[in-house]
Amino acid sequence: MRTTDDDQQQRIRALFLQPAESYRLSEAARLIGISPGVLRREAEADQREAYRSNGFWHFSWRQVVYVALRRWSLAEIHEALGNDASAVLPPLLSLRTLNVQLPEYLVRAVELSAASDDTTVDDWLHQELVDFAGTVVDRMERMVPGFRRAYLFPGQE
């Protein structure tokens, strides 16, 4: 697990424990820990109109969290929130360790893929499994209530 620096932990705690209805571009960028220019480029590449209001950049809490989740892992968020994580995150976003045995060729494929994406094995597997979860949302929601909410977080059902 990565160690999250104090500044990042404070920003995570501020975003999740003191959510605002909306954020200016500079506020959102500061919370996420990126430059306003980088955030503006991400918003423009996404849906520019969704981030603009009366000619100004305007970010909802959900929009800021979406961008933050591309930069912070769930492990980092849980580490920063500590016991408060259960109060602000859906129950099915709690973290659980899973030990698996895989053939060496799969382990090497995962390790090399993670390295080429400049991420950790945990984060790479997380993203791959999120993609998989998207293919089974409806079926899983019937069997595991709350699955959709966790999958769509921070969005709405």
C-alpha atoms as a PDB file:
ATOM      1  CA  MET A   1       0.000   0.000   0.000  1.00  0.00           C
ATOM      2  CA  ARG A   2       1.239   3.469  -0.833  1.00  0.00           C
ATOM      3  CA  THR A   3       1.875   5.933   1.924  1.00  0.00           C
ATOM      4  CA  THR A   4      -0.154   9.066   1.390  1.00  0.00           C
ATOM      5  CA  ASP A   5       1.593  12.347   2.233  1.00  0.00           C
ATOM      6  CA  ASP A   6       0.073  14.630   4.872  1.00  0.00           C
ATOM      7  CA  ASP A   7      -0.961  17.320   2.398  1.00  0.00           C
ATOM      8  CA  GLN A   8      -2.770  14.815   0.201  1.00  0.00           C
ATOM      9  CA  GLN A   9      -4.464  13.277   3.234  1.00  0.00           C
ATOM     10  CA  GLN A  10      -5.708  16.709   4.296  1.00  0.00           C
ATOM     11  CA  ARG A  11      -7.044  17.378   0.799  1.00  0.00           C
ATOM     12  CA  ILE A  12      -8.805  13.992   0.716  1.00  0.00           C
ATOM     13  CA  ARG A  13     -10.344  14.637   4.119  1.00  0.00           C
ATOM     14  CA  ALA A  14     -11.489  18.113   3.090  1.00  0.00           C
ATOM     15  CA  LEU A  15     -13.105  16.828  -0.105  1.00  0.00           C
ATOM     16  CA  PHE A  16     -14.926  13.906   1.481  1.00  0.00           C
ATOM     17  CA  LEU A  17     -15.665  15.227   4.966  1.00  0.00           C
ATOM     18  CA  GLN A  18     -16.454  18.857   4.108  1.00  0.00           C
ATOM     19  CA  PRO A  19     -18.118  18.629   0.696  1.00  0.00           C
ATOM     20  CA  ALA A  20     -19.263  21.871  -0.904  1.00  0.00           C
ATOM     21  CA  GLU A  21     -22.162  22.158  -3.308  1.00  0.00           C
ATOM     22  CA  SER A  22     -19.816  23.616  -5.915  1.00  0.00           C
ATOM     23  CA  TYR A  23     -16.187  24.610  -6.440  1.00  0.00           C
ATOM     24  CA  ARG A  24     -14.420  27.193  -8.548  1.00  0.00           C
ATOM     25  CA  LEU A  25     -11.722  25.901 -10.899  1.00  0.00           C
ATOM     26  CA  SER A  26      -8.899  26.992  -8.575  1.00  0.00           C
ATOM     27  CA  GLU A  27     -10.567  25.411  -5.503  1.00  0.00           C
ATOM     28  CA  ALA A  28     -11.190  22.095  -7.269  1.00  0.00           C
ATOM     29  CA  ALA A  29      -7.637  21.978  -8.625  1.00  0.00           C
ATOM     30  CA  ARG A  30      -6.156  22.726  -5.192  1.00  0.00           C
ATOM     31  CA  LEU A  31      -8.230  19.983  -3.549  1.00  0.00           C
ATOM     32  CA  ILE A  32      -7.198  17.409  -6.129  1.00  0.00           C
ATOM     33  CA  GLY A  33      -3.587  18.563  -6.089  1.00  0.00           C
ATOM     34  CA  ILE A  34      -3.257  19.527  -9.753  1.00  0.00           C
ATOM     35  CA  SER A  35      -2.837  22.803 -11.583  1.00  0.00           C
ATOM     36  CA  PRO A  36      -5.914  24.699 -12.757  1.00  0.00           C
ATOM     37  CA  GLY A  37      -4.659  24.243 -16.330  1.00  0.00           C
ATOM     38  CA  VAL A  38      -4.577  20.470 -16.016  1.00  0.00           C
ATOM     39  CA  LEU A  39      -8.071  20.447 -14.521  1.00  0.00           C
ATOM     40  CA  ARG A  40      -9.361  22.751 -17.258  1.00  0.00           C
ATOM     41  CA  ARG A  41      -7.916  20.447 -19.945  1.00  0.00           C
ATOM     42  CA  GLU A  42      -9.534  17.400 -18.306  1.00  0.00           C
ATOM     43  CA  ALA A  43     -12.892  19.169 -18.107  1.00  0.00           C
ATOM     44  CA  GLU A  44     -12.640  20.307 -21.729  1.00  0.00           C
ATOM     45  CA  ALA A  45     -11.777  16.778 -22.854  1.00  0.00           C
ATOM     46  CA  ASP A  46     -14.726  15.406 -20.889  1.00  0.00           C
ATOM     47  CA  GLN A  47     -17.814  17.598 -21.337  1.00  0.00           C
ATOM     48  CA  ARG A  48     -16.846  21.237 -21.340  1.00  0.00           C
ATOM     49  CA  GLU A  49     -20.448  22.462 -21.035  1.00  0.00           C
ATOM     50  CA  ALA A  50     -21.037  20.373 -17.906  1.00  0.00           C
ATOM     51  CA  TYR A  51     -18.301  22.322 -16.105  1.00  0.00           C
ATOM     52  CA  ARG A  52     -19.294  25.830 -17.180  1.00  0.00           C
ATOM     53  CA  SER A  53     -22.006  28.053 -15.727  1.00  0.00           C
ATOM     54  CA  ASN A  54     -22.629  31.652 -16.831  1.00  0.00           C
ATOM     55  CA  GLY A  55     -19.208  31.695 -18.493  1.00  0.00           C
ATOM     56  CA  PHE A  56     -17.354  30.493 -15.380  1.00  0.00           C
ATOM     57  CA  TRP A  57     -15.835  27.158 -14.494  1.00  0.00           C
ATOM     58  CA  HIS A  58     -18.059  25.469 -11.944  1.00  0.00           C
ATOM     59  CA  PHE A  59     -17.504  21.967 -10.525  1.00  0.00           C
ATOM     60  CA  SER A  60     -19.998  19.988  -8.462  1.00  0.00           C
ATOM     61  CA  TRP A  61     -18.703  17.835  -5.632  1.00  0.00           C
ATOM     62  CA  ARG A  62     -19.324  14.724  -7.746  1.00  0.00           C
ATOM     63  CA  GLN A  63     -17.336  16.142 -10.660  1.00  0.00           C
ATOM     64  CA  VAL A  64     -14.383  16.917  -8.396  1.00  0.00           C
ATOM     65  CA  VAL A  65     -14.529  13.410  -6.895  1.00  0.00           C
ATOM     66  CA  TYR A  66     -14.617  11.822 -10.369  1.00  0.00           C
ATOM     67  CA  VAL A  67     -11.388  13.607 -11.274  1.00  0.00           C
ATOM     68  CA  ALA A  68      -9.856  12.844  -7.867  1.00  0.00           C
ATOM     69  CA  LEU A  69     -10.603   9.127  -8.245  1.00  0.00           C
ATOM     70  CA  ARG A  70      -8.401   9.125 -11.357  1.00  0.00           C
ATOM     71  CA  ARG A  71      -5.515  10.369  -9.198  1.00  0.00           C
ATOM     72  CA  TRP A  72      -6.073   8.763  -5.807  1.00  0.00           C
ATOM     73  CA  SER A  73      -6.548   5.082  -5.201  1.00  0.00           C
ATOM     74  CA  LEU A  74      -9.289   3.811  -2.924  1.00  0.00           C
ATOM     75  CA  ALA A  75      -6.522   2.626  -0.605  1.00  0.00           C
ATOM     76  CA  GLU A  76      -5.183   6.197  -0.348  1.00  0.00           C
ATOM     77  CA  ILE A  77      -8.684   7.535   0.275  1.00  0.00           C
ATOM     78  CA  HIS A  78      -9.353   4.945   2.978  1.00  0.00           C
ATOM     79  CA  GLU A  79      -5.981   5.625   4.568  1.00  0.00           C
ATOM     80  CA  ALA A  80      -6.689   9.365   4.696  1.00  0.00           C
ATOM     81  CA  LEU A  81     -10.269   9.003   5.950  1.00  0.00           C
ATOM     82  CA  GLY A  82      -9.545   6.315   8.523  1.00  0.00           C
ATOM     83  CA  ASN A  83     -12.651   5.486  10.561  1.00  0.00           C
ATOM     84  CA  ASP A  84     -14.587   8.235   8.746  1.00  0.00           C
ATOM     85  CA  ALA A  85     -14.483   6.222   5.495  1.00  0.00           C
ATOM     86  CA  SER A  86     -17.503   4.153   6.515  1.00  0.00           C
ATOM     87  CA  ALA A  87     -19.536   7.327   7.050  1.00  0.00           C
ATOM     88  CA  VAL A  88     -18.896   8.847   3.607  1.00  0.00           C
ATOM     89  CA  LEU A  89     -18.293   5.920   1.257  1.00  0.00           C
ATOM     90  CA  PRO A  90     -20.827   3.276   0.206  1.00  0.00           C
ATOM     91  CA  PRO A  91     -20.439   0.084   2.278  1.00  0.00           C
ATOM     92  CA  LEU A  92     -19.358  -1.944  -0.751  1.00  0.00           C
ATOM     93  CA  LEU A  93     -16.391   0.405  -1.281  1.00  0.00           C
ATOM     94  CA  SER A  94     -14.765  -0.867   1.897  1.00  0.00           C
ATOM     95  CA  LEU A  95     -11.467  -2.574   1.166  1.00  0.00           C
ATOM     96  CA  ARG A  96     -10.852  -6.251   1.677  1.00  0.00           C
ATOM     97  CA  THR A  97      -7.665  -8.221   1.064  1.00  0.00           C
ATOM     98  CA  LEU A  98      -7.946 -11.111  -1.355  1.00  0.00           C
ATOM     99  CA  ASN A  99      -5.195 -13.669  -1.731  1.00  0.00           C
ATOM    100  CA  VAL A 100      -5.139 -15.593  -4.994  1.00  0.00           C
ATOM    101  CA  GLN A 101      -2.843 -18.084  -6.628  1.00  0.00           C
ATOM    102  CA  LEU A 102      -2.192 -17.462 -10.296  1.00  0.00           C
ATOM    103  CA  PRO A 103       0.109 -19.083 -12.825  1.00  0.00           C
ATOM    104  CA  GLU A 104       3.406 -17.287 -13.280  1.00  0.00           C
ATOM    105  CA  TYR A 105       2.581 -16.144 -16.819  1.00  0.00           C
ATOM    106  CA  LEU A 106      -0.492 -14.249 -15.558  1.00  0.00           C
ATOM    107  CA  VAL A 107       1.435 -12.705 -12.688  1.00  0.00           C
ATOM    108  CA  ARG A 108       4.108 -11.495 -15.087  1.00  0.00           C
ATOM    109  CA  ALA A 109       1.496 -10.167 -17.511  1.00  0.00           C
ATOM    110  CA  VAL A 110      -0.185  -8.197 -14.723  1.00  0.00           C
ATOM    111  CA  GLU A 111       3.125  -6.873 -13.370  1.00  0.00           C
ATOM    112  CA  LEU A 112       4.344  -5.781 -16.808  1.00  0.00           C
ATOM    113  CA  SER A 113       1.004  -4.220 -17.695  1.00  0.00           C
ATOM    114  CA  ALA A 114       0.964  -2.278 -14.424  1.00  0.00           C
ATOM    115  CA  ALA A 115       4.546  -1.119 -14.968  1.00  0.00           C
ATOM    116  CA  SER A 116       3.826  -0.001 -18.533  1.00  0.00           C
ATOM    117  CA  ASP A 117       0.803   1.959 -17.251  1.00  0.00           C
ATOM    118  CA  ASP A 118       3.056   3.469 -14.546  1.00  0.00           C
ATOM    119  CA  THR A 119       0.856   2.190 -11.726  1.00  0.00           C
ATOM    120  CA  THR A 120       0.869  -0.440  -9.016  1.00  0.00           C
ATOM    121  CA  VAL A 121      -0.356  -3.991  -9.468  1.00  0.00           C
ATOM    122  CA  ASP A 122      -3.158  -3.241  -6.996  1.00  0.00           C
ATOM    123  CA  ASP A 123      -4.309  -0.175  -8.921  1.00  0.00           C
ATOM    124  CA  TRP A 124      -3.997  -1.912 -12.297  1.00  0.00           C
ATOM    125  CA  LEU A 125      -6.051  -4.894 -11.123  1.00  0.00           C
ATOM    126  CA  HIS A 126      -8.574  -2.537  -9.563  1.00  0.00           C
ATOM    127  CA  GLN A 127      -9.133  -0.775 -12.897  1.00  0.00           C
ATOM    128  CA  GLU A 128      -9.421  -4.067 -14.790  1.00  0.00           C
ATOM    129  CA  LEU A 129     -11.929  -5.388 -12.283  1.00  0.00           C
ATOM    130  CA  VAL A 130     -13.945  -2.138 -12.369  1.00  0.00           C
ATOM    131  CA  ASP A 131     -14.249  -2.655 -16.137  1.00  0.00           C
ATOM    132  CA  PHE A 132     -15.451  -6.205 -15.490  1.00  0.00           C
ATOM    133  CA  ALA A 133     -17.914  -5.006 -12.827  1.00  0.00           C
ATOM    134  CA  GLY A 134     -19.488  -2.722 -15.410  1.00  0.00           C
ATOM    135  CA  THR A 135     -20.481  -5.780 -17.424  1.00  0.00           C
ATOM    136  CA  VAL A 136     -22.335  -7.411 -14.517  1.00  0.00           C
ATOM    137  CA  VAL A 137     -23.922  -4.448 -12.686  1.00  0.00           C
ATOM    138  CA  ASP A 138     -27.553  -5.393 -13.243  1.00  0.00           C
ATOM    139  CA  ARG A 139     -27.098  -9.057 -12.343  1.00  0.00           C
ATOM    140  CA  MET A 140     -24.975  -8.255  -9.281  1.00  0.00           C
ATOM    141  CA  GLU A 141     -27.389  -5.592  -7.987  1.00  0.00           C
ATOM    142  CA  ARG A 142     -30.122  -8.240  -7.827  1.00  0.00           C
ATOM    143  CA  MET A 143     -27.865 -10.501  -5.761  1.00  0.00           C
ATOM    144  CA  VAL A 144     -25.859  -7.904  -3.836  1.00  0.00           C
ATOM    145  CA  PRO A 145     -27.932  -4.793  -3.049  1.00  0.00           C
ATOM    146  CA  GLY A 146     -25.727  -1.701  -3.134  1.00  0.00           C
ATOM    147  CA  PHE A 147     -23.490  -3.052  -5.908  1.00  0.00           C
ATOM    148  CA  ARG A 148     -24.707  -0.413  -8.403  1.00  0.00           C
ATOM    149  CA  ARG A 149     -24.219   2.403  -5.884  1.00  0.00           C
ATOM    150  CA  ALA A 150     -20.626   1.321  -5.216  1.00  0.00           C
ATOM    151  CA  TYR A 151     -19.908   0.851  -8.920  1.00  0.00           C
ATOM    152  CA  LEU A 152     -21.304   4.277  -9.869  1.00  0.00           C
ATOM    153  CA  PHE A 153     -19.803   6.179  -6.906  1.00  0.00           C
ATOM    154  CA  PRO A 154     -19.775   9.162  -6.678  1.00  0.00           C
ATOM    155  CA  GLY A 155     -22.577   9.272  -9.237  1.00  0.00           C
ATOM    156  CA  GLN A 156     -26.196   8.587  -8.670  1.00  0.00           C
ATOM    157  CA  GLU A 157     -28.044   5.388  -9.498  1.00  0.00           C
END
